[in-house]
Amino acid sequence: MTDVTPQAQPDEQPDTQGETIGATGDAQDSTLEKDPADWVSGDDPMTAAQRSYLDTLAKQAGEELPADLSKAEASQHIDRLRSDSGQG
C-alpha cells in the first residue's frame, strides 16, 4: 500500500482530465507515490485495515510477522507479499 498525498493547494483543483483511478490498478501519476520511509506518519502503528490485510497475505504465504509493525513497515510487507504472490 502506498501513501498518496495530493499535490494541489487546498483551493486549487488538480488537472485530472483523462485520468482514471480504481479498476486500472495503476496510479496514473507515479509522482504521487511516496516511499513509505518518507511518510510523515510512517512511524505510527499500522492501521487496522493494514493489519487485517497483512494477516491474510502472511497466512497465504505461510509467513509470520510481528504484530507491532509501523504503517511504513506494514506497507512494505504488503507490497512484498503482493508481489511475491503475483498480485502486485
N, C-alpha and C. Protein backbone atom coordinates (compact mmCIF):
# COMPACT_ATOMS: atom_id res chain seq x y z
N MET A 1 0.84 -1.17 0.00
CA MET A 1 0.00 0.00 0.00
C MET A 1 0.89 1.23 0.00
N THR A 2 0.42 2.26 -0.76
CA THR A 2 1.20 3.47 -0.80
C THR A 2 0.42 4.62 -0.21
N ASP A 3 1.13 5.55 0.34
CA ASP A 3 0.52 6.75 0.91
C ASP A 3 0.46 7.79 -0.19
N VAL A 4 -0.72 8.25 -0.57
CA VAL A 4 -0.87 9.20 -1.65
C VAL A 4 -1.31 10.53 -1.06
N THR A 5 -0.53 11.58 -1.33
CA THR A 5 -0.82 12.90 -0.82
C THR A 5 -1.06 13.83 -2.00
N PRO A 6 -2.20 14.54 -2.05
CA PRO A 6 -2.45 15.45 -3.16
C PRO A 6 -1.39 16.54 -3.20
N GLN A 7 -1.02 16.94 -4.39
CA GLN A 7 -0.01 17.97 -4.57
C GLN A 7 -0.63 19.35 -4.76
N ALA A 8 -1.94 19.44 -4.97
CA ALA A 8 -2.60 20.70 -5.23
C ALA A 8 -2.80 21.48 -3.93
N GLN A 9 -2.91 22.80 -4.07
CA GLN A 9 -3.21 23.67 -2.94
C GLN A 9 -4.67 23.44 -2.55
N PRO A 10 -5.07 23.77 -1.31
CA PRO A 10 -6.43 23.50 -0.86
C PRO A 10 -7.52 24.06 -1.76
N ASP A 11 -7.35 25.26 -2.31
CA ASP A 11 -8.36 25.89 -3.16
C ASP A 11 -8.22 25.48 -4.62
N GLU A 12 -7.13 24.86 -4.96
CA GLU A 12 -6.81 24.55 -6.35
C GLU A 12 -7.15 23.10 -6.66
N GLN A 13 -7.86 22.87 -7.74
CA GLN A 13 -8.20 21.52 -8.16
C GLN A 13 -7.13 21.02 -9.14
N PRO A 14 -6.61 19.81 -8.92
CA PRO A 14 -5.61 19.28 -9.84
C PRO A 14 -6.25 18.99 -11.20
N ASP A 15 -5.45 19.05 -12.26
CA ASP A 15 -5.93 18.74 -13.60
C ASP A 15 -5.99 17.22 -13.73
N THR A 16 -7.20 16.67 -13.68
CA THR A 16 -7.36 15.22 -13.73
C THR A 16 -8.07 14.77 -14.99
N GLN A 17 -8.20 15.66 -15.96
CA GLN A 17 -8.88 15.31 -17.20
C GLN A 17 -8.16 14.15 -17.88
N GLY A 18 -8.91 13.09 -18.19
CA GLY A 18 -8.35 11.94 -18.87
C GLY A 18 -7.74 10.90 -17.95
N GLU A 19 -7.59 11.19 -16.66
CA GLU A 19 -7.03 10.24 -15.71
C GLU A 19 -8.14 9.39 -15.12
N THR A 20 -7.78 8.21 -14.68
CA THR A 20 -8.73 7.35 -14.01
C THR A 20 -8.10 6.81 -12.73
N ILE A 21 -8.94 6.38 -11.82
CA ILE A 21 -8.48 5.69 -10.63
C ILE A 21 -9.33 4.44 -10.49
N GLY A 22 -8.86 3.50 -9.71
CA GLY A 22 -9.67 2.32 -9.43
C GLY A 22 -9.30 1.13 -10.28
N ALA A 23 -10.18 0.74 -11.16
CA ALA A 23 -10.11 -0.55 -11.86
C ALA A 23 -8.81 -0.78 -12.61
N THR A 24 -8.11 0.26 -13.02
CA THR A 24 -6.88 0.06 -13.78
C THR A 24 -5.79 -0.55 -12.92
N GLY A 25 -5.85 -0.33 -11.61
CA GLY A 25 -4.87 -0.90 -10.70
C GLY A 25 -3.57 -0.15 -10.65
N ASP A 26 -3.36 0.81 -11.51
CA ASP A 26 -2.12 1.58 -11.53
C ASP A 26 -2.42 3.05 -11.34
N ALA A 27 -1.60 3.72 -10.54
CA ALA A 27 -1.72 5.16 -10.41
C ALA A 27 -1.28 5.78 -11.72
N GLN A 28 -1.99 6.79 -12.17
CA GLN A 28 -1.65 7.44 -13.42
C GLN A 28 -0.43 8.34 -13.27
N ASP A 29 -0.18 8.83 -12.08
CA ASP A 29 0.93 9.75 -11.84
C ASP A 29 1.80 9.18 -10.74
N SER A 30 2.93 8.59 -11.11
CA SER A 30 3.80 7.95 -10.13
C SER A 30 4.44 8.95 -9.18
N THR A 31 4.38 10.26 -9.49
CA THR A 31 4.95 11.25 -8.58
C THR A 31 4.12 11.37 -7.32
N LEU A 32 2.88 10.85 -7.34
CA LEU A 32 2.04 10.91 -6.15
C LEU A 32 2.38 9.82 -5.15
N GLU A 33 3.15 8.82 -5.56
CA GLU A 33 3.52 7.74 -4.67
C GLU A 33 4.76 8.14 -3.87
N LYS A 34 4.69 7.93 -2.57
CA LYS A 34 5.82 8.23 -1.70
C LYS A 34 6.39 6.93 -1.17
N ASP A 35 7.68 6.92 -0.98
CA ASP A 35 8.33 5.80 -0.33
C ASP A 35 7.82 5.77 1.11
N PRO A 36 7.37 4.60 1.61
CA PRO A 36 6.87 4.54 2.98
C PRO A 36 7.86 5.11 4.01
N ALA A 37 9.14 5.03 3.73
CA ALA A 37 10.13 5.57 4.66
C ALA A 37 10.02 7.09 4.78
N ASP A 38 9.40 7.74 3.78
CA ASP A 38 9.27 9.20 3.77
C ASP A 38 7.92 9.68 4.31
N TRP A 39 7.04 8.76 4.71
CA TRP A 39 5.74 9.15 5.22
C TRP A 39 5.88 9.89 6.54
N VAL A 40 5.11 10.95 6.71
CA VAL A 40 5.10 11.69 7.97
C VAL A 40 4.59 10.80 9.09
N SER A 41 3.59 9.98 8.80
CA SER A 41 3.00 9.10 9.82
C SER A 41 3.54 7.68 9.73
N GLY A 42 4.64 7.48 9.02
CA GLY A 42 5.18 6.15 8.80
C GLY A 42 5.57 5.41 10.06
N ASP A 43 5.91 6.15 11.11
CA ASP A 43 6.31 5.52 12.37
C ASP A 43 5.11 5.17 13.26
N ASP A 44 3.92 5.64 12.89
CA ASP A 44 2.72 5.31 13.65
C ASP A 44 2.44 3.82 13.54
N PRO A 45 1.72 3.25 14.49
CA PRO A 45 1.36 1.82 14.38
C PRO A 45 0.52 1.58 13.14
N MET A 46 0.63 0.37 12.58
CA MET A 46 -0.16 0.05 11.39
C MET A 46 -1.64 0.20 11.70
N THR A 47 -2.39 0.49 10.66
CA THR A 47 -3.84 0.65 10.82
C THR A 47 -4.50 -0.73 10.95
N ALA A 48 -5.74 -0.72 11.38
CA ALA A 48 -6.49 -1.97 11.48
C ALA A 48 -6.67 -2.62 10.11
N ALA A 49 -6.87 -1.80 9.09
CA ALA A 49 -7.02 -2.32 7.73
C ALA A 49 -5.72 -2.97 7.26
N GLN A 50 -4.58 -2.31 7.54
CA GLN A 50 -3.29 -2.90 7.17
C GLN A 50 -3.09 -4.22 7.90
N ARG A 51 -3.39 -4.23 9.18
CA ARG A 51 -3.20 -5.45 9.98
C ARG A 51 -4.02 -6.61 9.43
N SER A 52 -5.27 -6.34 9.10
CA SER A 52 -6.15 -7.37 8.58
C SER A 52 -5.66 -7.89 7.24
N TYR A 53 -5.31 -6.99 6.33
CA TYR A 53 -4.85 -7.38 5.01
C TYR A 53 -3.51 -8.11 5.10
N LEU A 54 -2.61 -7.60 5.93
CA LEU A 54 -1.31 -8.22 6.10
C LEU A 54 -1.45 -9.60 6.72
N ASP A 55 -2.37 -9.76 7.65
CA ASP A 55 -2.63 -11.08 8.25
C ASP A 55 -3.06 -12.07 7.17
N THR A 56 -3.97 -11.64 6.30
CA THR A 56 -4.44 -12.51 5.22
C THR A 56 -3.30 -12.88 4.28
N LEU A 57 -2.52 -11.89 3.85
CA LEU A 57 -1.41 -12.15 2.93
C LEU A 57 -0.35 -13.05 3.55
N ALA A 58 -0.02 -12.79 4.82
CA ALA A 58 1.00 -13.59 5.50
C ALA A 58 0.55 -15.04 5.65
N LYS A 59 -0.73 -15.25 5.99
CA LYS A 59 -1.25 -16.62 6.09
C LYS A 59 -1.16 -17.33 4.75
N GLN A 60 -1.53 -16.64 3.69
CA GLN A 60 -1.46 -17.23 2.35
C GLN A 60 -0.03 -17.60 1.98
N ALA A 61 0.94 -16.80 2.44
CA ALA A 61 2.34 -17.03 2.12
C ALA A 61 3.02 -17.96 3.12
N GLY A 62 2.30 -18.33 4.19
CA GLY A 62 2.89 -19.19 5.21
C GLY A 62 3.94 -18.48 6.04
N GLU A 63 3.78 -17.17 6.20
CA GLU A 63 4.74 -16.36 6.97
C GLU A 63 4.12 -15.87 8.27
N GLU A 64 4.99 -15.63 9.24
CA GLU A 64 4.59 -14.96 10.48
C GLU A 64 5.35 -13.66 10.55
N LEU A 65 4.63 -12.60 10.91
CA LEU A 65 5.23 -11.27 11.02
C LEU A 65 4.92 -10.70 12.39
N PRO A 66 5.77 -9.79 12.88
CA PRO A 66 5.49 -9.16 14.17
C PRO A 66 4.18 -8.36 14.12
N ALA A 67 3.47 -8.33 15.22
CA ALA A 67 2.19 -7.62 15.28
C ALA A 67 2.35 -6.14 15.60
N ASP A 68 3.58 -5.71 15.85
CA ASP A 68 3.79 -4.31 16.24
C ASP A 68 4.48 -3.50 15.15
N LEU A 69 4.16 -3.78 13.89
CA LEU A 69 4.76 -3.06 12.78
C LEU A 69 4.25 -1.62 12.70
N SER A 70 5.08 -0.76 12.14
CA SER A 70 4.64 0.61 11.86
C SER A 70 3.86 0.61 10.55
N LYS A 71 3.21 1.74 10.25
CA LYS A 71 2.48 1.87 9.00
C LYS A 71 3.41 1.63 7.81
N ALA A 72 4.59 2.23 7.86
CA ALA A 72 5.55 2.09 6.76
C ALA A 72 6.02 0.65 6.61
N GLU A 73 6.33 -0.01 7.72
CA GLU A 73 6.78 -1.40 7.66
C GLU A 73 5.67 -2.31 7.13
N ALA A 74 4.46 -2.08 7.61
CA ALA A 74 3.33 -2.89 7.15
C ALA A 74 3.14 -2.71 5.65
N SER A 75 3.22 -1.47 5.17
CA SER A 75 3.05 -1.21 3.76
C SER A 75 4.12 -1.92 2.93
N GLN A 76 5.34 -1.91 3.41
CA GLN A 76 6.43 -2.58 2.69
C GLN A 76 6.20 -4.09 2.64
N HIS A 77 5.75 -4.67 3.74
CA HIS A 77 5.46 -6.11 3.76
C HIS A 77 4.29 -6.44 2.83
N ILE A 78 3.26 -5.60 2.85
CA ILE A 78 2.11 -5.82 1.97
C ILE A 78 2.57 -5.79 0.51
N ASP A 79 3.34 -4.78 0.15
CA ASP A 79 3.84 -4.69 -1.23
C ASP A 79 4.66 -5.93 -1.59
N ARG A 80 5.51 -6.36 -0.70
CA ARG A 80 6.38 -7.51 -0.95
C ARG A 80 5.54 -8.79 -1.11
N LEU A 81 4.62 -9.01 -0.19
CA LEU A 81 3.80 -10.21 -0.24
C LEU A 81 2.89 -10.23 -1.48
N ARG A 82 2.36 -9.08 -1.83
CA ARG A 82 1.53 -9.00 -3.04
C ARG A 82 2.38 -9.30 -4.28
N SER A 83 3.57 -8.77 -4.32
CA SER A 83 4.46 -9.00 -5.45
C SER A 83 4.87 -10.48 -5.52
N ASP A 84 5.20 -11.06 -4.37
CA ASP A 84 5.60 -12.47 -4.32
C ASP A 84 4.47 -13.40 -4.78
N SER A 85 3.22 -13.00 -4.52
CA SER A 85 2.09 -13.85 -4.87
C SER A 85 1.55 -13.55 -6.27
N GLY A 86 2.15 -12.56 -6.93
CA GLY A 86 1.70 -12.20 -8.27
C GLY A 86 0.51 -11.26 -8.28
N GLN A 87 0.17 -10.70 -7.10
CA GLN A 87 -0.98 -9.78 -7.01
C GLN A 87 -0.58 -8.33 -7.27
N GLY A 88 0.70 -8.04 -7.28
CA GLY A 88 1.07 -6.63 -7.38
C GLY A 88 1.92 -6.26 -8.49
